[in-house]
Protein backbone atom coordinates (compact mmCIF):
# COMPACT_ATOMS: atom_id res chain seq x y z
CA MET A 1 59.38 -25.65 -15.64
CA MET A 2 57.21 -23.79 -17.76
CA ALA A 3 58.33 -23.12 -21.44
CA ARG A 4 58.78 -18.99 -22.23
CA ARG A 5 56.38 -17.74 -24.50
CA PRO A 6 58.00 -16.37 -27.75
CA VAL A 7 58.25 -12.75 -28.15
CA ALA A 8 55.60 -11.80 -30.94
CA SER A 9 57.34 -8.96 -33.63
CA VAL A 10 55.57 -5.78 -33.33
CA HIS A 11 54.43 -6.10 -36.86
CA GLU A 12 52.26 -9.22 -35.71
CA VAL A 13 50.76 -6.79 -32.79
CA ILE A 14 49.72 -3.60 -34.28
CA SER A 15 49.31 -2.16 -37.63
CA VAL A 16 49.77 1.56 -38.24
CA THR A 17 48.25 3.78 -41.00
CA PRO A 18 50.13 5.26 -42.88
CA PRO A 19 53.37 3.05 -42.68
CA GLN A 20 55.44 6.03 -43.81
CA ILE A 21 54.65 10.00 -43.77
CA ASP A 22 55.52 12.45 -46.52
CA VAL A 23 54.97 16.02 -46.42
CA GLU A 24 55.98 19.16 -48.39
CA ALA A 25 55.67 22.52 -47.14
CA VAL A 26 56.72 26.37 -47.22
CA SER A 27 59.45 27.35 -45.25
CA ASP A 28 58.61 28.00 -41.62
CA ALA A 29 54.61 26.37 -41.76
CA HIS A 30 53.74 23.55 -39.78
CA VAL A 31 51.86 20.38 -41.23
CA ALA A 32 49.76 18.21 -39.29
CA ALA A 33 49.66 14.23 -39.77
CA THR A 34 47.47 11.56 -38.22
CA VAL A 35 48.73 8.25 -37.88
CA THR A 36 46.05 5.31 -36.79
CA ILE A 37 47.26 2.63 -34.63
CA ARG A 38 45.20 -0.37 -34.57
CA ASN A 39 45.81 -3.92 -32.24
CA ILE A 40 45.88 -6.83 -34.53
CA SER A 41 46.76 -9.19 -31.86
CA ALA A 42 45.05 -11.80 -29.84
CA ARG A 43 45.61 -9.86 -26.47
CA GLU A 44 45.54 -6.85 -25.03
CA ILE A 45 48.62 -3.95 -25.38
CA ARG A 46 49.50 -1.12 -23.70
CA ILE A 47 51.39 1.92 -25.54
CA GLY A 48 53.95 3.61 -23.33
CA GLY A 49 54.25 6.51 -25.88
CA VAL A 50 55.44 7.91 -28.90
CA GLU A 51 58.94 9.27 -29.45
CA ALA A 52 60.34 11.43 -32.14
CA SER A 53 63.75 11.35 -33.43
CA CYS A 54 64.27 15.23 -33.70
CA SER A 55 62.32 18.28 -32.46
CA CYS A 56 60.91 19.25 -35.81
CA THR A 57 58.21 16.72 -35.01
CA ALA A 58 55.95 16.49 -31.96
CA ALA A 59 53.00 14.53 -31.05
CA ALA A 60 49.90 15.43 -29.47
CA PRO A 61 49.02 13.36 -26.23
CA LEU A 62 47.39 10.02 -26.80
CA ALA A 63 43.67 9.70 -26.21
CA THR A 64 44.11 5.88 -25.00
CA HIS A 65 47.25 3.84 -23.99
CA VAL A 66 45.41 0.30 -23.40
CA LEU A 67 44.32 -1.46 -26.82
CA ARG A 68 42.08 -4.63 -26.70
CA PRO A 69 41.84 -6.90 -29.51
CA GLY A 70 40.44 -5.05 -32.81
CA GLU A 71 40.63 -1.66 -30.99
CA GLU A 72 42.41 1.56 -32.40
CA THR A 73 43.57 4.91 -31.61
CA SER A 74 44.81 7.76 -33.49
CA ILE A 75 48.06 10.15 -32.90
CA THR A 76 48.03 13.74 -34.36
CA LEU A 77 51.70 14.64 -35.04
CA ARG A 78 52.71 18.42 -35.83
CA LEU A 79 55.79 18.53 -38.37
CA THR A 80 57.86 21.34 -39.34
CA PRO A 81 59.80 21.09 -42.54
CA PRO A 82 62.96 22.54 -43.32
CA LYS A 83 63.31 25.72 -44.92
CA THR A 84 64.50 24.18 -47.76
CA GLY A 85 65.60 20.62 -48.81
CA ILE A 86 64.55 17.24 -47.74
CA GLN A 87 64.84 15.94 -43.82
CA GLN A 88 64.43 12.43 -43.11
CA THR A 89 63.24 11.68 -39.39
CA ARG A 90 61.27 8.94 -37.92
CA VAL A 91 58.52 8.61 -35.09
CA SER A 92 58.96 5.63 -33.11
CA ILE A 93 55.36 3.89 -31.39
CA LEU A 94 56.79 2.58 -28.18
CA LEU A 95 55.02 -0.95 -27.04
CA GLU A 96 55.08 -1.40 -23.03
CA ASP A 97 53.45 -4.96 -23.14
CA PRO A 98 55.03 -6.73 -25.33
CA HIS A 99 58.13 -4.36 -24.89
CA SER A 100 58.55 -3.23 -28.64
CA ARG A 101 58.61 -0.42 -31.28
CA PHE A 102 57.26 0.32 -34.16
CA ASP A 103 59.24 3.02 -36.27
CA ILE A 104 57.27 5.34 -38.66
CA PRO A 105 59.66 6.97 -41.32
CA VAL A 106 59.32 10.62 -42.09
CA ARG A 107 60.17 12.27 -44.90
CA MET A 108 59.97 16.38 -45.04
CA GLN A 109 60.87 18.55 -47.75
CA GLY A 110 60.65 22.17 -47.36
CA ARG A 111 60.45 24.94 -49.80
CA ARG A 112 61.41 28.86 -49.75
CA VAL A 113 58.52 31.06 -50.72
CA GLU A 114 59.94 34.90 -50.56
CA ALA A 115 57.93 37.61 -49.61
CA PRO A 116 57.72 39.99 -52.91
CA ALA A 117 59.61 43.34 -52.30
CA VAL A 118 56.20 45.04 -53.07
CA VAL A 119 52.89 44.44 -52.84
CA LEU A 120 49.93 46.79 -53.92
CA GLN A 121 46.25 46.50 -52.89
CA PRO A 122 43.88 45.97 -53.91
CA PRO A 123 44.97 44.24 -57.04
CA GLU A 124 42.06 45.22 -58.83
CA ILE A 125 40.07 48.59 -59.22
CA PHE A 126 36.54 48.70 -59.86
CA GLY A 127 34.97 52.01 -60.39
CA VAL A 128 32.37 54.30 -62.43
CA ALA A 129 33.75 57.53 -64.42
CA VAL A 130 32.59 60.04 -66.99
CA THR A 131 34.44 60.84 -70.31
CA GLY A 132 36.88 63.58 -69.42
CA GLU A 133 36.07 63.95 -65.60
CA PRO A 134 38.71 62.53 -63.57
CA PHE A 135 37.88 58.99 -61.36
CA GLU A 136 39.54 58.95 -58.27
CA THR A 137 40.69 55.87 -56.03
CA SER A 138 43.06 54.74 -53.61
CA PHE A 139 45.23 51.71 -52.99
CA GLU A 140 47.90 50.44 -50.94
CA VAL A 141 51.79 49.73 -51.61
CA GLN A 142 53.41 47.50 -48.98
CA THR A 143 57.14 47.96 -49.40
CA LEU A 144 60.70 46.96 -47.73
CA GLU A 145 61.30 49.91 -45.32
CA HIS A 146 64.55 50.39 -46.99
CA ILE A 147 62.78 51.60 -50.60
CA GLY A 148 62.34 55.54 -50.21
CA THR A 149 59.20 57.12 -50.55
CA GLU A 150 60.28 58.65 -53.65
CA TRP A 151 60.30 55.20 -54.92
CA LEU A 152 56.84 55.39 -56.80
CA LEU A 153 57.10 57.81 -59.47
CA GLY A 154 53.69 56.94 -61.38
CA PHE A 155 51.92 54.65 -63.23
CA ASP A 156 51.66 53.56 -66.89
CA CYS A 157 48.61 52.65 -68.78
CA GLU A 158 48.50 49.97 -71.77
CA LEU A 159 45.49 52.14 -73.33
CA PRO A 160 46.26 55.86 -74.68
CA ASP A 161 42.96 56.59 -73.80
CA VAL A 162 43.34 56.45 -70.05
CA ILE A 163 45.20 59.21 -68.45
CA VAL A 164 46.74 58.57 -65.19
CA GLY A 165 47.65 60.86 -62.52
CA GLN A 166 50.61 61.53 -60.42
CA PRO A 167 49.92 59.17 -57.18
CA LEU A 168 49.27 61.60 -54.27
CA LEU A 169 50.83 60.04 -50.82
CA VAL A 170 48.45 60.02 -48.21
CA HIS A 171 50.02 58.68 -45.31
CA SER A 172 52.49 55.76 -44.18
CA VAL A 173 51.79 53.04 -41.57
CA LYS A 174 54.44 50.89 -40.22
CA ALA A 175 53.06 47.28 -40.89
CA ASP A 176 55.68 45.71 -39.28
CA SER A 177 59.69 45.69 -38.33
CA THR A 178 60.49 45.18 -41.97
CA VAL A 179 57.03 46.42 -43.99
CA LEU A 180 55.96 49.72 -44.54
CA ALA A 181 52.68 50.43 -45.92
CA ARG A 182 51.67 53.52 -47.88
CA HIS A 183 48.52 55.08 -48.73
CA TYR A 184 48.26 56.82 -52.17
CA LYS A 185 45.56 58.39 -53.93
CA VAL A 186 45.57 58.25 -58.11
CA SER A 187 43.22 59.71 -60.49
CA LEU A 188 42.32 58.47 -63.74
CA THR A 189 40.81 60.23 -66.74
CA ILE A 190 39.35 58.65 -70.01
CA HIS A 191 39.45 60.25 -73.19
CA GLY A 192 37.82 59.75 -76.69
CA ALA A 193 37.24 56.04 -76.14
CA ASP A 194 34.75 53.94 -77.76
CA LEU A 195 31.54 55.81 -78.00
CA ASN A 196 29.28 53.26 -76.72
CA SER A 197 31.42 51.10 -74.76
CA ARG A 198 30.19 50.41 -71.00
CA LYS A 199 32.96 48.71 -69.58
CA LEU A 200 36.88 49.81 -69.77
CA ALA A 201 39.40 47.03 -68.50
CA THR A 202 43.19 48.13 -68.69
CA THR A 203 46.26 47.30 -66.47
CA LEU A 204 48.13 50.05 -64.43
CA THR A 205 51.95 49.36 -64.36
CA PRO A 206 54.18 51.21 -61.70
CA ARG A 207 56.75 53.38 -62.60
CA VAL A 208 59.60 53.29 -60.29
CA ALA A 209 62.79 55.14 -59.62
CA SER A 210 64.79 51.99 -59.06
CA THR A 211 63.92 48.28 -59.70
CA PRO A 212 63.61 45.79 -56.74
CA THR A 213 65.00 42.64 -56.09
CA ARG A 214 61.67 40.99 -57.64
CA ASP A 215 58.97 42.25 -60.34
CA VAL A 216 56.68 44.90 -59.01
CA PRO A 217 52.81 43.72 -59.41
CA ALA A 218 50.62 45.60 -61.64
CA ILE A 219 47.08 46.70 -60.81
CA ARG A 220 44.13 45.44 -62.61
CA CYS A 221 41.56 48.46 -63.38
CA VAL A 222 37.57 47.70 -64.43
CA VAL A 223 35.51 50.97 -64.99
CA ASP A 224 32.07 51.09 -66.00
CA TRP A 225 32.13 54.43 -67.66
CA LYS A 226 29.23 56.75 -69.34
CA PRO A 227 31.01 58.63 -72.71
CA ALA A 228 30.42 62.37 -72.57
CA LEU A 229 28.25 61.92 -75.46
CA ARG A 230 26.27 58.51 -76.76
CA ALA A 231 24.86 57.99 -80.27
CA TYR A 232 22.59 55.46 -80.78
CA PRO A 233 22.74 53.58 -82.92
CA SER A 234 26.62 53.53 -83.43
CA ALA A 235 25.95 51.87 -86.67
CA ILE A 236 23.54 51.63 -89.52
CA VAL A 237 22.80 49.06 -91.90
CA VAL A 238 20.39 49.23 -94.97
CA ASP A 239 18.82 46.14 -96.73
CA PRO A 240 17.92 47.36 -100.51
CA GLY A 241 15.50 44.25 -100.62
CA ARG A 242 13.32 45.82 -97.76
CA HIS A 243 13.10 49.11 -99.55
CA GLN A 244 11.34 50.10 -102.44
CA VAL A 245 11.37 54.04 -101.48
CA TRP A 246 14.32 55.87 -101.27
CA PRO A 247 16.00 57.66 -99.82
CA VAL A 248 15.96 55.50 -96.64
CA VAL A 249 15.81 57.77 -93.59
CA ARG A 250 17.76 56.50 -90.29
CA ARG A 251 17.60 58.65 -87.09
CA ILE A 252 20.43 58.97 -84.97
CA VAL A 253 20.07 60.32 -81.39
CA ILE A 254 22.81 61.66 -79.85
CA SER A 255 22.63 62.55 -75.69
CA GLY A 256 25.04 63.89 -73.38
CA ALA A 257 25.81 61.67 -70.08
CA ASP A 258 25.57 64.73 -67.85
CA GLY A 259 22.81 66.39 -69.11
CA ARG A 260 24.90 69.33 -69.97
CA GLY A 261 24.34 71.48 -72.92
CA TRP A 262 26.18 71.04 -76.35
CA ASP A 263 25.95 71.82 -79.94
CA VAL A 264 26.32 70.19 -83.46
CA GLN A 265 28.65 72.08 -85.18
CA GLN A 266 29.07 69.88 -88.48
CA VAL A 267 27.68 66.99 -89.99
CA LYS A 268 29.78 65.47 -92.84
CA CYS A 269 28.47 62.53 -95.08
CA GLU A 270 30.76 60.35 -97.42
CA PRO A 271 30.26 59.29 -100.26
CA ASP A 272 27.53 61.70 -101.48
CA TRP A 273 25.06 58.96 -101.29
CA LEU A 274 24.74 59.83 -97.57
CA LYS A 275 23.31 63.05 -96.37
CA GLY A 276 22.85 64.07 -92.74
CA GLU A 277 20.44 66.75 -91.36
CA VAL A 278 20.21 68.05 -87.80
CA VAL A 279 16.80 67.93 -86.32
CA GLN A 280 15.46 70.33 -83.35
CA SER A 281 16.60 68.99 -79.90
CA GLU A 282 13.87 67.02 -78.38
CA THR A 283 15.09 67.88 -74.56
CA GLU A 284 16.60 71.19 -74.18
CA GLY A 285 20.26 70.84 -73.84
CA ALA A 286 20.79 67.27 -73.47
CA VAL A 287 19.72 65.47 -76.60
CA ARG A 288 20.24 66.29 -80.17
CA ILE A 289 18.90 64.47 -83.22
CA ILE A 290 20.47 63.86 -86.83
CA ASP A 291 18.46 62.16 -89.65
CA ALA A 292 20.67 60.48 -91.75
CA TYR A 293 19.35 60.07 -95.51
CA VAL A 294 20.60 57.03 -97.26
CA SER A 295 20.08 57.39 -101.39
CA ALA A 296 20.03 54.61 -103.59
CA PRO A 297 23.92 54.15 -105.14
CA ASP A 298 24.37 53.75 -108.64
CA ASP A 299 25.75 50.12 -108.00
CA MET A 300 24.29 48.16 -105.38
CA ARG A 301 25.38 44.85 -106.81
CA GLY A 302 28.09 42.33 -106.25
CA VAL A 303 29.64 43.73 -102.82
CA ASP A 304 28.61 45.86 -99.86
CA LEU A 305 28.68 49.54 -99.84
CA HIS A 306 30.54 51.79 -97.37
CA GLY A 307 30.20 55.03 -95.88
CA THR A 308 30.71 57.42 -92.69
CA ILE A 309 28.49 60.12 -91.12
CA GLU A 310 31.07 62.12 -89.09
CA ILE A 311 29.56 64.52 -86.48
CA ARG A 312 31.37 67.18 -84.90
CA THR A 313 29.68 68.30 -81.33
CA GLY A 314 31.66 71.34 -80.17
CA VAL A 315 32.18 69.08 -76.80
CA GLU A 316 36.11 69.01 -75.98
CA ARG A 317 35.81 65.49 -74.02
CA HIS A 318 34.22 64.13 -77.41
CA PRO A 319 34.43 66.44 -80.20
CA LEU A 320 33.92 63.78 -83.04
CA ILE A 321 31.32 60.98 -83.41
CA SER A 322 31.48 58.75 -86.30
CA ILE A 323 28.87 56.54 -87.71
CA PRO A 324 29.57 53.66 -90.15
CA VAL A 325 26.94 53.08 -92.71
CA THR A 326 26.77 50.13 -94.77
CA VAL A 327 24.41 49.08 -97.59
CA MET A 328 24.03 45.65 -98.42
CA SER A 329 24.71 43.95 -101.76
CA ARG A 330 21.37 42.91 -103.82
CA GLY A 331 23.86 39.88 -104.65
CA GLY A 332 23.60 38.70 -108.29
């Protein structure tokens, strides 16, 4: 009578990589995992199938059921973690010859990510504006249906120079059974900002009639803008060591961004070692030239001296231009 061959342990027949699966995902999301099976025995083996202990795990069909010594194959698993918390399960590789099974522990952790009660699109607004003239832009507010159409009262801006108009509801669109998308237009007007700046960045915060269960997002606003008037240079610095003849003359050119006519009403200089004089405009109605005369102050030793040239323009959107003047110390 022939002796029965001892049945090999499954761990002597196949190797499985990875030996266990640990995944994490947001609620209702699916995660794919790949398992590699390798025949580490000296004989041909046959895989009967793949079995999961719960419906949260599904396996794609095997590419091959027969593995010769040293051969391997892969199985793709589709895992669905719980909405929250941790779920322990297993996937089993079933062998027909020799008859055995290889269990792969599976640990899945789910975390819930709630959709925001309010979504503003786009989260950033870009545009070009001229001082004092409204810059119009549009945006979309996606809200839960139970929030009324009068919910959005307006926007607050962190910069006092930016005036935000009342949002105008253009139309509403039903995105799905619970979300309503409302399209708005809103205008921004820049007043009295830095004379020579070229970019303004700020944040628009929605002002609402009632607070949803979660925070309301803000919109970042970046505007390339043209001041109603632009002065060059925006500041004057005089080094006494480079000048033997006083007063030193510095020419200030002020132009209107929109080319409209305007006038210099007054030039005021402080202290008395500063004087300003309006020169005939070079371009009719658009440019004014002012010559600033910097006289030798009585005391130029020890500290820098500071003065200011104030130019009243008669332009409602930019009535006053202030240009700082510095006379550097001689030292010693």
